[in-house]
């Protein structure tokens, strides 16, 4: 799914500031060993490496890793890139000072398996740092909008935006962490002038959206209805009165937790 479209365009044109925010929250500096789980094209990995971290960027999609590696070279960042499944990480126990994920691990279908891996590879006293879209925020609402048009999820899969619910994350990490801080924040997005422009951009670049449209095939009636629903969602976000005209607010949950010793 993530090889569809052009997710790096989303990472660089829309959500670029989330990576540095996560790096700062995790306290990454020179010598910090870091694993970025479901790193995509390196939205957080590259800033972590530029901050001095010894970074391993992992993702299930090799195409995204290739794009990230090229971007890192252009930025003068040195890090390792490794194909890996967030639910079965090829890493030693307690390997990293910081294990992080920027709107990435939330898309692993089996949340508890992914959370158990975050815990396993983080050293005692180390940090788990996560940014996830909230169910109530714009991207959460986008997934809710697409759900009636999407095929059924795989057996045992949980909705990605649940990672944006503090209680859900606390339950996933459980006794594996000695402390956990969660804060809801908003990303201001001024990339789109209309709901239709947002819809067309995501139809062309964002894997989950492309996958839903692909599943609809030649059903013109449903395609037209989804087109209208996504454009209406975007227009509502642009005109909700909470931000200046032409600016969307996308809510996310920032979590930092300390691995129990």
Protein backbone atom coordinates (compact mmCIF):
# COMPACT_ATOMS: atom_id res chain seq x y z
CA UNK A 1 0.00 0.00 0.00
CA UNK A 2 2.73 2.48 0.91
CA UNK A 3 4.48 1.92 -2.42
CA UNK A 4 1.41 3.35 -4.15
CA UNK A 5 1.45 7.00 -5.13
CA UNK A 6 4.10 9.32 -3.73
CA UNK A 7 4.17 9.27 0.08
CA UNK A 8 7.47 11.23 0.16
CA UNK A 9 5.51 14.17 -1.30
CA UNK A 10 3.18 14.03 1.69
CA UNK A 11 6.16 13.83 4.04
CA UNK A 12 7.98 16.79 2.52
CA UNK A 13 5.13 19.06 1.35
CA UNK A 14 2.59 18.60 4.14
CA UNK A 15 3.94 17.07 7.36
CA UNK A 16 7.65 17.88 7.22
CA UNK A 17 7.72 19.67 10.58
CA UNK A 18 6.52 16.59 12.50
CA UNK A 19 9.89 14.85 12.21
CA UNK A 20 11.93 17.57 13.96
CA UNK A 21 9.19 17.90 16.60
CA UNK A 22 9.50 14.20 17.42
CA UNK A 23 13.30 14.35 17.48
CA UNK A 24 13.23 17.26 19.94
CA UNK A 25 10.65 15.56 22.15
CA UNK A 26 12.75 12.41 22.28
CA UNK A 27 15.84 14.36 23.34
CA UNK A 28 18.02 12.96 20.57
CA UNK A 29 21.55 14.29 20.49
CA UNK A 30 25.12 13.24 19.68
CA UNK A 31 25.68 9.57 20.34
CA UNK A 32 22.02 8.65 20.96
CA UNK A 33 21.25 5.28 19.42
CA UNK A 34 17.93 5.54 17.59
CA UNK A 35 15.59 3.19 15.77
CA UNK A 36 12.90 4.80 13.65
CA UNK A 37 10.14 2.22 13.20
CA UNK A 38 8.04 2.51 10.03
CA UNK A 39 10.28 5.40 9.04
CA UNK A 40 8.96 5.83 5.53
CA UNK A 41 11.28 8.13 3.61
CA UNK A 42 12.95 9.46 6.75
CA UNK A 43 10.78 12.35 7.89
CA UNK A 44 12.10 11.84 11.44
CA UNK A 45 15.16 9.68 10.76
CA UNK A 46 17.05 12.33 8.83
CA UNK A 47 16.52 15.11 11.42
CA UNK A 48 17.57 12.62 14.13
CA UNK A 49 20.80 11.89 12.28
CA UNK A 50 21.46 15.59 11.71
CA UNK A 51 21.01 16.07 15.48
CA UNK A 52 23.88 13.63 16.04
CA UNK A 53 21.94 10.43 16.60
CA UNK A 54 23.23 7.04 15.48
CA UNK A 55 20.10 6.21 13.52
CA UNK A 56 18.70 3.07 11.97
CA UNK A 57 15.68 3.83 9.79
CA UNK A 58 13.42 0.83 9.22
CA UNK A 59 10.38 0.32 7.03
CA UNK A 60 8.48 -2.51 5.37
CA UNK A 61 8.52 -0.70 2.00
CA UNK A 62 11.94 -0.75 0.27
CA UNK A 63 10.85 1.92 -2.23
CA UNK A 64 10.43 4.44 0.58
CA UNK A 65 13.81 3.52 2.04
CA UNK A 66 15.47 4.19 -1.31
CA UNK A 67 13.89 7.65 -1.47
CA UNK A 68 14.96 8.33 2.10
CA UNK A 69 18.52 7.26 1.48
CA UNK A 70 18.79 9.67 -1.45
CA UNK A 71 17.28 12.48 0.65
CA UNK A 72 19.73 11.76 3.47
CA UNK A 73 22.66 11.99 1.09
CA UNK A 74 21.44 15.36 -0.17
CA UNK A 75 21.06 16.58 3.42
CA UNK A 76 24.50 15.34 4.44
CA UNK A 77 23.04 12.90 7.00
CA UNK A 78 24.60 9.53 7.74
CA UNK A 79 22.34 6.71 8.92
CA UNK A 80 21.48 3.08 8.25
CA UNK A 81 18.44 2.01 6.24
CA UNK A 82 16.93 -1.41 6.87
CA UNK A 83 13.85 -3.22 5.59
CA UNK A 84 11.85 -4.40 8.60
CA UNK A 85 8.36 -5.26 9.80
CA UNK A 86 7.21 -3.20 12.79
CA UNK A 87 5.60 -6.33 14.22
CA UNK A 88 8.79 -8.41 13.93
CA UNK A 89 11.81 -6.17 14.20
CA UNK A 90 15.22 -7.69 13.29
CA UNK A 91 16.89 -6.01 16.27
CA UNK A 92 18.46 -7.23 19.49
CA UNK A 93 16.66 -6.77 22.79
CA UNK A 94 17.31 -3.44 24.55
CA UNK A 95 19.34 -2.21 21.56
CA UNK A 96 18.35 1.48 21.37
CA UNK A 97 18.35 4.56 23.57
CA UNK A 98 15.37 5.90 21.61
CA UNK A 99 12.77 4.01 19.63
CA UNK A 100 10.48 6.37 17.72
CA UNK A 101 7.85 6.48 15.01
CA UNK A 102 6.30 9.46 13.22
CA UNK A 103 2.81 8.53 11.96
CA UNK A 104 4.27 5.17 11.01
CA UNK A 105 3.88 2.34 13.53
CA UNK A 106 0.23 3.31 13.89
CA UNK A 107 -0.38 1.60 10.53
CA UNK A 108 0.90 -1.81 11.65
CA UNK A 109 -2.32 -3.85 11.73
CA UNK A 110 -1.75 -5.65 15.04
CA UNK A 111 -1.20 -2.93 17.59
CA UNK A 112 -0.10 -5.04 20.54
CA UNK A 113 2.52 -6.89 18.51
CA UNK A 114 3.96 -3.59 17.31
CA UNK A 115 3.92 -2.11 20.82
CA UNK A 116 5.65 -5.20 22.22
CA UNK A 117 8.42 -4.73 19.66
CA UNK A 118 8.85 -1.06 20.56
CA UNK A 119 9.31 -2.14 24.17
CA UNK A 120 11.62 -5.04 23.38
CA UNK A 121 14.19 -3.11 21.39
CA UNK A 122 14.36 -0.10 23.75
CA UNK A 123 16.91 -0.26 26.55
CA UNK A 124 15.77 0.07 30.19
CA UNK A 125 15.51 3.77 30.95
CA UNK A 126 15.36 4.57 27.26
CA UNK A 127 12.68 6.55 25.46
CA UNK A 128 9.79 5.56 23.23
CA UNK A 129 8.58 8.58 21.25
CA UNK A 130 5.54 8.52 18.96
CA UNK A 131 3.47 10.87 16.87
CA UNK A 132 0.10 9.47 15.74
CA UNK A 133 -2.98 11.00 14.15
CA UNK A 134 -5.93 11.15 16.56
CA UNK A 135 -9.32 9.57 15.80
CA UNK A 136 -11.03 12.94 16.28
CA UNK A 137 -8.54 14.93 14.21
CA UNK A 138 -8.59 15.59 10.49
CA UNK A 139 -6.75 12.45 9.36
CA UNK A 140 -8.80 10.32 11.75
CA UNK A 141 -11.94 11.80 10.20
CA UNK A 142 -10.53 11.13 6.75
CA UNK A 143 -10.16 7.44 7.58
CA UNK A 144 -13.71 7.41 8.96
CA UNK A 145 -14.91 9.02 5.72
CA UNK A 146 -13.17 6.37 3.61
CA UNK A 147 -14.23 3.40 5.76
CA UNK A 148 -17.66 2.80 4.13
CA UNK A 149 -15.93 2.58 0.74
CA UNK A 150 -12.98 0.42 1.84
CA UNK A 151 -12.71 -3.37 1.81
CA UNK A 152 -12.81 -5.11 5.20
CA UNK A 153 -9.53 -4.95 7.14
CA UNK A 154 -7.47 -8.13 7.68
CA UNK A 155 -8.60 -10.34 10.58
CA UNK A 156 -7.34 -8.99 13.89
CA UNK A 157 -6.39 -5.59 12.49
CA UNK A 158 -7.12 -2.47 14.54
CA UNK A 159 -7.86 1.03 13.18
CA UNK A 160 -4.65 3.06 12.82
CA UNK A 161 -5.97 6.24 14.54
CA UNK A 162 -6.40 4.33 17.82
CA UNK A 163 -2.69 5.05 18.35
CA UNK A 164 -3.82 8.66 18.71
CA UNK A 165 -5.89 7.77 21.76
CA UNK A 166 -3.91 8.16 24.99
CA UNK A 167 -5.75 5.40 26.85
CA UNK A 168 -5.14 2.96 24.01
CA UNK A 169 -1.41 3.69 23.96
CA UNK A 170 -1.16 3.41 27.75
CA UNK A 171 -2.85 -0.01 27.54
CA UNK A 172 -0.52 -1.15 24.75
CA UNK A 173 2.69 -0.16 26.57
CA UNK A 174 1.33 -1.06 29.99
CA UNK A 175 3.85 -2.05 32.64
CA UNK A 176 6.62 -1.90 30.05
CA UNK A 177 7.05 1.81 30.73
CA UNK A 178 7.63 3.56 34.04
CA UNK A 179 6.23 6.89 32.86
CA UNK A 180 4.26 8.16 29.90
CA UNK A 181 3.44 11.70 28.83
CA UNK A 182 0.88 12.39 26.12
CA UNK A 183 -0.13 15.70 24.58
CA UNK A 184 -2.56 16.54 21.82
CA UNK A 185 -1.14 19.03 19.35
CA UNK A 186 -2.13 20.38 15.96
CA UNK A 187 -0.23 20.61 12.71
CA UNK A 188 -1.19 23.67 10.69
CA UNK A 189 -1.46 22.77 7.01
CA UNK A 190 -1.65 25.56 4.42
CA UNK A 191 -0.90 23.37 1.39
CA UNK A 192 -4.47 23.23 0.02
CA UNK A 193 -6.74 26.02 -1.22
CA UNK A 194 -9.85 23.84 -1.39
CA UNK A 195 -11.22 20.50 -0.35
CA UNK A 196 -11.02 19.32 -3.94
CA UNK A 197 -7.32 20.17 -4.08
CA UNK A 198 -6.73 18.20 -0.86
CA UNK A 199 -8.68 15.24 -2.25
CA UNK A 200 -6.83 15.20 -5.56
CA UNK A 201 -3.44 15.44 -3.85
CA UNK A 202 -4.22 12.51 -1.54
CA UNK A 203 -5.71 10.48 -4.42
CA UNK A 204 -2.38 10.86 -6.21
CA UNK A 205 0.07 10.47 -3.34
CA UNK A 206 -1.32 8.78 -0.21
CA UNK A 207 -1.27 4.99 -0.21
CA UNK A 208 -4.34 4.34 1.98
CA UNK A 209 -6.47 6.71 -0.11
CA UNK A 210 -5.24 5.25 -3.38
CA UNK A 211 -5.94 1.74 -2.08
CA UNK A 212 -9.57 2.62 -1.33
CA UNK A 213 -10.10 4.09 -4.78
CA UNK A 214 -8.41 1.07 -6.36
CA UNK A 215 -10.76 -1.26 -4.49
CA UNK A 216 -13.75 0.64 -5.91
CA UNK A 217 -12.58 -0.20 -9.41
CA UNK A 218 -15.05 0.87 -12.10
CA UNK A 219 -17.89 1.65 -9.69
CA UNK A 220 -18.38 5.21 -10.94
CA UNK A 221 -21.21 5.94 -8.51
CA UNK A 222 -19.12 5.11 -5.45
CA UNK A 223 -16.07 6.91 -6.83
CA UNK A 224 -18.16 10.03 -7.35
CA UNK A 225 -19.61 9.76 -3.86
CA UNK A 226 -16.18 9.33 -2.25
CA UNK A 227 -14.86 12.25 -4.30
CA UNK A 228 -17.63 14.42 -2.91
CA UNK A 229 -17.20 13.21 0.67
CA UNK A 230 -13.44 13.84 0.74
CA UNK A 231 -13.80 17.28 -0.85
CA UNK A 232 -16.48 18.17 1.69
CA UNK A 233 -14.23 17.01 4.52
CA UNK A 234 -11.42 19.22 3.24
CA UNK A 235 -13.69 22.23 2.74
CA UNK A 236 -15.07 21.88 6.26
CA UNK A 237 -11.55 21.82 7.70
CA UNK A 238 -10.59 24.91 5.72
CA UNK A 239 -13.65 26.84 6.91
CA UNK A 240 -14.09 25.69 10.51
CA UNK A 241 -13.22 29.11 11.95
CA UNK A 242 -10.51 27.71 14.23
CA UNK A 243 -7.68 28.80 11.92
CA UNK A 244 -7.09 31.54 9.37
CA UNK A 245 -8.78 31.01 6.02
CA UNK A 246 -6.90 28.47 3.94
CA UNK A 247 -5.30 26.73 6.91
CA UNK A 248 -6.26 23.29 8.17
CA UNK A 249 -5.51 22.01 11.67
CA UNK A 250 -4.59 18.32 11.82
CA UNK A 251 -4.56 16.97 15.37
CA UNK A 252 -1.96 14.44 16.50
CA UNK A 253 -0.91 12.82 19.77
CA UNK A 254 2.70 13.19 20.88
CA UNK A 255 3.75 10.44 23.29
CA UNK A 256 7.04 10.12 25.15
CA UNK A 257 7.48 7.18 27.50
CA UNK A 258 10.36 5.83 29.58
CA UNK A 259 11.12 2.13 29.25
CA UNK A 260 10.78 0.43 32.60
CA UNK A 261 14.04 -0.78 34.09
